[in-house]
């Protein structure tokens, strides 16, 4: 009886080791292609919100913990996950692309990148991850909604249900007020980070 238990244990151990080896091998093979695909997706998002930029470089002074503290101090639940410096062909800084994770969507977190020029003008945003309700919240990807942020300077964007009366007002997606507010809050979080950390140029 004991021999049977030992035998089964050895078989199970061997199976676990082989399975672990196979999983490790698959991870090693797919790691680089997945990373390359993620990078390409991110670069496309950066370019979408900063068409005049020729290149994007990581903002070297970005501190994720400091960004989290700043968000908390300013009343945001959102998380700033990355910052890129947008550069022209001569290497001059044009502004920034700030990536934010909005945590107050109706279904799940929404990750998107916001382009902000040196003078504080919002170029717009590009979504890289969204799981909002099809036909409702996922309309945040549509230019009819996202285009309302482009080319504007505002202290804070606010969602309204009627036609906007000022640049700071954004008309809500019909039937998706929660998603609309999540997007506006995310953009506002990026603007808060810009004003407190980036405005005036790379330090």
Protein backbone atom coordinates (compact mmCIF):
# COMPACT_ATOMS: atom_id res chain seq x y z
CA UNK A 1 0.00 0.00 0.00
CA UNK A 2 2.82 2.38 0.96
CA UNK A 3 4.69 1.49 -2.24
CA UNK A 4 1.60 2.44 -4.29
CA UNK A 5 1.34 5.81 -2.52
CA UNK A 6 5.04 6.51 -3.11
CA UNK A 7 4.69 5.47 -6.76
CA UNK A 8 1.70 7.76 -7.29
CA UNK A 9 3.50 10.63 -5.57
CA UNK A 10 6.54 10.18 -7.83
CA UNK A 11 4.36 10.10 -10.94
CA UNK A 12 2.53 13.24 -9.82
CA UNK A 13 5.83 15.00 -9.06
CA UNK A 14 7.26 14.04 -12.46
CA UNK A 15 4.09 15.23 -14.19
CA UNK A 16 4.22 18.55 -12.33
CA UNK A 17 7.88 19.06 -13.26
CA UNK A 18 7.25 18.28 -16.94
CA UNK A 19 4.20 20.56 -17.02
CA UNK A 20 6.19 23.35 -15.36
CA UNK A 21 8.98 22.92 -17.90
CA UNK A 22 6.53 23.05 -20.82
CA UNK A 23 4.80 26.16 -19.45
CA UNK A 24 8.16 27.84 -18.92
CA UNK A 25 9.19 26.97 -22.46
CA UNK A 26 5.95 28.37 -23.91
CA UNK A 27 6.34 31.55 -21.85
CA UNK A 28 9.92 31.97 -23.08
CA UNK A 29 8.82 31.58 -26.69
CA UNK A 30 5.82 33.93 -26.46
CA UNK A 31 7.26 36.56 -24.09
CA UNK A 32 9.05 38.65 -26.70
CA UNK A 33 6.29 38.58 -29.37
CA UNK A 34 3.69 39.59 -26.76
CA UNK A 35 5.92 42.40 -25.49
CA UNK A 36 6.51 43.58 -29.07
CA UNK A 37 2.76 43.54 -29.78
CA UNK A 38 2.05 45.51 -26.58
CA UNK A 39 4.73 48.05 -27.50
CA UNK A 40 3.32 48.46 -31.01
CA UNK A 41 -0.17 48.98 -29.58
CA UNK A 42 1.14 51.59 -27.15
CA UNK A 43 3.11 53.42 -29.85
CA UNK A 44 0.01 53.54 -32.07
CA UNK A 45 -1.96 55.05 -29.17
CA UNK A 46 0.76 57.66 -28.58
CA UNK A 47 0.81 58.62 -32.25
CA UNK A 48 -2.97 58.90 -32.34
CA UNK A 49 -2.95 61.57 -29.63
CA UNK A 50 0.20 63.33 -30.84
CA UNK A 51 0.22 63.18 -34.64
CA UNK A 52 2.92 65.86 -34.97
CA UNK A 53 5.41 63.89 -32.87
CA UNK A 54 8.17 61.93 -34.58
CA UNK A 55 9.16 59.93 -31.53
CA UNK A 56 8.22 59.19 -27.94
CA UNK A 57 10.60 58.73 -25.02
CA UNK A 58 9.85 57.57 -21.51
CA UNK A 59 9.73 60.41 -19.01
CA UNK A 60 12.79 59.43 -16.97
CA UNK A 61 11.61 61.08 -13.75
CA UNK A 62 8.27 59.24 -13.66
CA UNK A 63 7.64 57.87 -10.18
CA UNK A 64 4.62 55.60 -9.93
CA UNK A 65 4.32 55.91 -6.14
CA UNK A 66 4.59 59.69 -6.26
CA UNK A 67 1.96 59.75 -9.00
CA UNK A 68 -0.35 57.60 -6.86
CA UNK A 69 0.09 60.00 -3.93
CA UNK A 70 -0.65 62.95 -6.19
CA UNK A 71 -3.83 61.30 -7.44
CA UNK A 72 -4.97 60.61 -3.90
CA UNK A 73 -4.22 64.18 -2.81
CA UNK A 74 -6.32 65.51 -5.68
CA UNK A 75 -9.25 63.16 -5.06
CA UNK A 76 -8.76 60.79 -8.01
CA UNK A 77 -9.19 57.03 -7.88
CA UNK A 78 -7.40 56.76 -11.24
CA UNK A 79 -3.85 55.47 -11.65
CA UNK A 80 -1.20 57.12 -13.83
CA UNK A 81 0.74 54.17 -15.26
CA UNK A 82 3.20 55.74 -17.71
CA UNK A 83 4.39 59.05 -19.14
CA UNK A 84 6.02 59.64 -22.52
CA UNK A 85 7.67 62.81 -23.83
CA UNK A 86 6.51 63.60 -27.39
CA UNK A 87 9.33 64.91 -29.58
CA UNK A 88 9.51 66.43 -33.04
CA UNK A 89 12.04 65.53 -35.74
CA UNK A 90 14.70 67.78 -34.21
CA UNK A 91 14.29 66.25 -30.76
CA UNK A 92 12.45 69.20 -29.23
CA UNK A 93 9.72 68.44 -26.69
CA UNK A 94 6.18 69.00 -27.94
CA UNK A 95 4.33 67.80 -24.88
CA UNK A 96 3.44 64.56 -23.18
CA UNK A 97 1.42 61.39 -23.52
CA UNK A 98 0.10 60.30 -20.14
CA UNK A 99 -1.38 56.83 -19.75
CA UNK A 100 -4.07 56.44 -17.13
CA UNK A 101 -6.14 53.57 -15.75
CA UNK A 102 -9.63 54.81 -14.95
CA UNK A 103 -10.99 52.65 -12.17
CA UNK A 104 -14.58 53.90 -12.15
CA UNK A 105 -15.90 52.42 -15.40
CA UNK A 106 -19.24 50.62 -15.32
CA UNK A 107 -17.77 47.18 -16.07
CA UNK A 108 -14.02 47.28 -15.47
CA UNK A 109 -10.94 49.47 -15.54
CA UNK A 110 -10.37 51.50 -18.72
CA UNK A 111 -6.82 52.20 -19.84
CA UNK A 112 -6.12 55.04 -22.24
CA UNK A 113 -3.45 57.53 -23.25
CA UNK A 114 -4.00 61.30 -23.24
CA UNK A 115 -1.94 63.72 -25.31
CA UNK A 116 -1.26 67.11 -23.70
CA UNK A 117 0.75 69.82 -25.48
CA UNK A 118 3.25 72.00 -23.64
CA UNK A 119 0.69 74.80 -23.36
CA UNK A 120 -1.82 72.50 -21.64
CA UNK A 121 -4.01 71.85 -24.68
CA UNK A 122 -5.53 68.36 -24.68
CA UNK A 123 -5.02 66.68 -28.05
CA UNK A 124 -7.42 63.85 -27.25
CA UNK A 125 -7.19 60.29 -25.98
CA UNK A 126 -6.68 56.80 -27.35
CA UNK A 127 -8.09 53.74 -25.55
CA UNK A 128 -5.90 50.66 -25.26
CA UNK A 129 -8.12 48.57 -22.96
CA UNK A 130 -11.88 48.76 -22.44
CA UNK A 131 -14.59 46.25 -21.50
CA UNK A 132 -17.61 48.52 -21.29
CA UNK A 133 -21.04 47.45 -22.55
CA UNK A 134 -21.12 47.05 -26.36
CA UNK A 135 -23.25 49.71 -28.00
CA UNK A 136 -23.23 51.85 -24.87
CA UNK A 137 -20.08 52.41 -22.83
CA UNK A 138 -17.76 51.20 -25.56
CA UNK A 139 -18.87 54.24 -27.58
CA UNK A 140 -16.17 56.03 -25.59
CA UNK A 141 -13.93 54.89 -28.45
CA UNK A 142 -15.99 56.79 -31.02
CA UNK A 143 -14.83 60.20 -32.28
CA UNK A 144 -18.28 61.64 -31.57
CA UNK A 145 -17.45 61.40 -27.88
CA UNK A 146 -13.64 61.38 -27.71
CA UNK A 147 -13.38 64.30 -30.15
CA UNK A 148 -15.06 66.59 -27.62
CA UNK A 149 -11.84 66.69 -25.59
CA UNK A 150 -9.52 67.52 -28.50
CA UNK A 151 -8.00 70.96 -28.89
CA UNK A 152 -9.28 72.24 -25.55
CA UNK A 153 -7.76 73.83 -22.49
CA UNK A 154 -9.76 73.48 -19.30
CA UNK A 155 -9.14 73.36 -15.60
CA UNK A 156 -11.50 70.40 -15.37
CA UNK A 157 -13.85 68.60 -17.75
CA UNK A 158 -17.42 67.98 -16.63
CA UNK A 159 -19.99 65.59 -18.09
CA UNK A 160 -23.36 67.09 -19.02
CA UNK A 161 -26.47 65.55 -20.57
CA UNK A 162 -27.28 68.45 -22.87
CA UNK A 163 -25.33 70.30 -25.55
CA UNK A 164 -22.12 71.71 -24.00
CA UNK A 165 -22.18 75.41 -23.16
CA UNK A 166 -18.40 75.73 -22.71
CA UNK A 167 -15.13 73.99 -23.57
CA UNK A 168 -15.07 72.41 -20.13
CA UNK A 169 -18.37 70.58 -20.71
CA UNK A 170 -18.52 67.19 -22.43
CA UNK A 171 -21.83 65.74 -23.59
CA UNK A 172 -22.43 62.30 -22.11
CA UNK A 173 -22.78 59.13 -24.15
CA UNK A 174 -26.50 58.35 -24.18
CA UNK A 175 -27.21 55.55 -21.70
CA UNK A 176 -23.60 55.44 -20.51
CA UNK A 177 -23.16 58.25 -17.99
CA UNK A 178 -20.88 56.17 -15.75
CA UNK A 179 -18.47 55.42 -18.60
CA UNK A 180 -18.59 59.05 -19.75
CA UNK A 181 -17.67 60.26 -16.27
CA UNK A 182 -14.89 57.67 -16.01
CA UNK A 183 -13.33 58.98 -19.22
CA UNK A 184 -13.63 62.63 -18.13
CA UNK A 185 -12.19 61.79 -14.71
CA UNK A 186 -9.27 60.00 -16.37
CA UNK A 187 -8.52 62.99 -18.59
CA UNK A 188 -8.81 65.28 -15.56
CA UNK A 189 -6.36 63.06 -13.68
CA UNK A 190 -3.86 63.37 -16.53
CA UNK A 191 -4.29 67.15 -16.58
CA UNK A 192 -3.72 67.27 -12.82
CA UNK A 193 -0.52 65.28 -13.24
CA UNK A 194 0.58 67.58 -16.08
CA UNK A 195 -0.06 70.76 -14.07
CA UNK A 196 1.64 69.48 -10.92
CA UNK A 197 4.60 67.66 -12.45
CA UNK A 198 5.20 68.37 -16.14
CA UNK A 199 4.06 71.91 -16.89
CA UNK A 200 7.02 74.10 -17.76
CA UNK A 201 9.02 71.32 -19.38
CA UNK A 202 11.01 68.23 -18.39
CA UNK A 203 12.93 68.88 -15.20
